[in-house]
Amino acid sequence: MHKRTKSILEELENLYIEKDKIHIIRSRADSLIESAGRLLDLVTESYTDEEADNLTRKFLNSIRTRDSRKFQRSLRKINESN
């Protein structure tokens, strides 16, 4: 009986961890999306339409490929040319 009780308690604990992970993922996603939206608004306000479109594409591509250098290079090129 002790072994069965321990198994049930372990299952309950694992269930809580899974729900907590789901909450963390949702919370972080909401925060990141809000921040990215504010960043893209700032880019649109700070650069010409063509530059902002280019930086937006590079930003989204950097997220997709998990390579921030792509966005940084484009940002540096635009800032140096201005």
C-alpha atoms as a PDB file:
ATOM      1  CA  MET A   1       0.000   0.000   0.000  1.00  0.00           C
ATOM      2  CA  HIS A   2       2.864   2.370   0.744  1.00  0.00           C
ATOM      3  CA  LYS A   3       4.276   1.866  -2.749  1.00  0.00           C
ATOM      4  CA  ARG A   4       0.891   2.632  -4.332  1.00  0.00           C
ATOM      5  CA  THR A   5       0.521   5.834  -2.293  1.00  0.00           C
ATOM      6  CA  LYS A   6       3.986   6.972  -3.289  1.00  0.00           C
ATOM      7  CA  SER A   7       3.187   6.345  -6.939  1.00  0.00           C
ATOM      8  CA  ILE A   8       0.004   8.412  -6.731  1.00  0.00           C
ATOM      9  CA  LEU A   9       1.861  11.250  -5.024  1.00  0.00           C
ATOM     10  CA  GLU A  10       4.563  11.167  -7.678  1.00  0.00           C
ATOM     11  CA  GLU A  11       1.949  11.299 -10.418  1.00  0.00           C
ATOM     12  CA  LEU A  12       0.265  14.281  -8.780  1.00  0.00           C
ATOM     13  CA  GLU A  13       3.603  16.056  -8.478  1.00  0.00           C
ATOM     14  CA  ASN A  14       4.419  15.406 -12.140  1.00  0.00           C
ATOM     15  CA  LEU A  15       0.989  16.670 -13.159  1.00  0.00           C
ATOM     16  CA  TYR A  16       1.624  19.938 -11.316  1.00  0.00           C
ATOM     17  CA  ILE A  17       5.007  20.353 -13.034  1.00  0.00           C
ATOM     18  CA  GLU A  18       3.425  19.877 -16.462  1.00  0.00           C
ATOM     19  CA  LYS A  19       0.738  22.476 -15.727  1.00  0.00           C
ATOM     20  CA  ASP A  20       3.413  24.833 -14.425  1.00  0.00           C
ATOM     21  CA  LYS A  21       5.430  24.400 -17.656  1.00  0.00           C
ATOM     22  CA  ILE A  22       2.347  25.214 -19.704  1.00  0.00           C
ATOM     23  CA  HIS A  23       1.771  28.350 -17.628  1.00  0.00           C
ATOM     24  CA  ILE A  24       5.421  29.405 -17.970  1.00  0.00           C
ATOM     25  CA  ILE A  25       5.373  28.881 -21.736  1.00  0.00           C
ATOM     26  CA  ARG A  26       2.164  30.872 -22.115  1.00  0.00           C
ATOM     27  CA  SER A  27       3.427  33.673 -19.884  1.00  0.00           C
ATOM     28  CA  ARG A  28       6.797  33.959 -21.623  1.00  0.00           C
ATOM     29  CA  ALA A  29       5.204  33.854 -25.059  1.00  0.00           C
ATOM     30  CA  ASP A  30       2.806  36.655 -24.129  1.00  0.00           C
ATOM     31  CA  SER A  31       5.664  38.756 -22.794  1.00  0.00           C
ATOM     32  CA  LEU A  32       7.898  38.164 -25.810  1.00  0.00           C
ATOM     33  CA  ILE A  33       5.133  38.919 -28.293  1.00  0.00           C
ATOM     34  CA  GLU A  34       4.280  42.172 -26.501  1.00  0.00           C
ATOM     35  CA  SER A  35       7.966  43.193 -26.440  1.00  0.00           C
ATOM     36  CA  ALA A  36       8.499  42.285 -30.085  1.00  0.00           C
ATOM     37  CA  GLY A  37       5.449  44.326 -31.061  1.00  0.00           C
ATOM     38  CA  ARG A  38       6.758  47.364 -29.189  1.00  0.00           C
ATOM     39  CA  LEU A  39      10.191  46.910 -30.793  1.00  0.00           C
ATOM     40  CA  LEU A  40       8.691  46.731 -34.282  1.00  0.00           C
ATOM     41  CA  ASP A  41       6.642  49.870 -33.569  1.00  0.00           C
ATOM     42  CA  LEU A  42       9.846  51.648 -32.531  1.00  0.00           C
ATOM     43  CA  VAL A  43      11.628  50.455 -35.683  1.00  0.00           C
ATOM     44  CA  THR A  44       8.742  51.771 -37.805  1.00  0.00           C
ATOM     45  CA  GLU A  45       8.924  55.161 -36.064  1.00  0.00           C
ATOM     46  CA  SER A  46      12.724  55.421 -36.304  1.00  0.00           C
ATOM     47  CA  TYR A  47      13.467  54.331 -39.868  1.00  0.00           C
ATOM     48  CA  THR A  48      12.133  54.890 -43.368  1.00  0.00           C
ATOM     49  CA  ASP A  49       9.416  52.533 -44.615  1.00  0.00           C
ATOM     50  CA  GLU A  50      11.908  50.575 -46.728  1.00  0.00           C
ATOM     51  CA  GLU A  51      14.436  50.276 -43.885  1.00  0.00           C
ATOM     52  CA  ALA A  52      11.729  49.344 -41.378  1.00  0.00           C
ATOM     53  CA  ASP A  53      10.379  46.634 -43.696  1.00  0.00           C
ATOM     54  CA  ASN A  54      13.895  45.238 -44.159  1.00  0.00           C
ATOM     55  CA  LEU A  55      14.605  45.285 -40.415  1.00  0.00           C
ATOM     56  CA  THR A  56      11.238  43.677 -39.668  1.00  0.00           C
ATOM     57  CA  ARG A  57      11.983  40.829 -42.086  1.00  0.00           C
ATOM     58  CA  LYS A  58      15.468  40.376 -40.649  1.00  0.00           C
ATOM     59  CA  PHE A  59      14.115  40.435 -37.096  1.00  0.00           C
ATOM     60  CA  LEU A  60      11.499  37.764 -37.803  1.00  0.00           C
ATOM     61  CA  ASN A  61      14.031  35.678 -39.722  1.00  0.00           C
ATOM     62  CA  SER A  62      16.478  35.973 -36.812  1.00  0.00           C
ATOM     63  CA  ILE A  63      13.837  34.622 -34.453  1.00  0.00           C
ATOM     64  CA  ARG A  64      12.956  31.783 -36.826  1.00  0.00           C
ATOM     65  CA  THR A  65      16.582  30.741 -37.287  1.00  0.00           C
ATOM     66  CA  ARG A  66      17.597  31.636 -33.712  1.00  0.00           C
ATOM     67  CA  ASP A  67      20.466  33.763 -35.037  1.00  0.00           C
ATOM     68  CA  SER A  68      20.457  37.324 -33.714  1.00  0.00           C
ATOM     69  CA  ARG A  69      23.498  38.224 -35.825  1.00  0.00           C
ATOM     70  CA  LYS A  70      21.334  38.549 -38.956  1.00  0.00           C
ATOM     71  CA  PHE A  71      19.294  41.335 -37.406  1.00  0.00           C
ATOM     72  CA  GLN A  72      22.372  42.960 -35.846  1.00  0.00           C
ATOM     73  CA  ARG A  73      24.204  43.057 -39.196  1.00  0.00           C
ATOM     74  CA  SER A  74      21.253  44.685 -40.955  1.00  0.00           C
ATOM     75  CA  LEU A  75      20.824  47.199 -38.151  1.00  0.00           C
ATOM     76  CA  ARG A  76      24.541  48.058 -38.233  1.00  0.00           C
ATOM     77  CA  LYS A  77      24.530  48.498 -42.027  1.00  0.00           C
ATOM     78  CA  ILE A  78      21.554  50.847 -41.939  1.00  0.00           C
ATOM     79  CA  ASN A  79      22.968  52.873 -39.053  1.00  0.00           C
ATOM     80  CA  GLU A  80      26.381  53.191 -40.735  1.00  0.00           C
ATOM     81  CA  SER A  81      24.843  54.338 -44.015  1.00  0.00           C
ATOM     82  CA  ASN A  82      22.895  57.061 -42.218  1.00  0.00           C
END
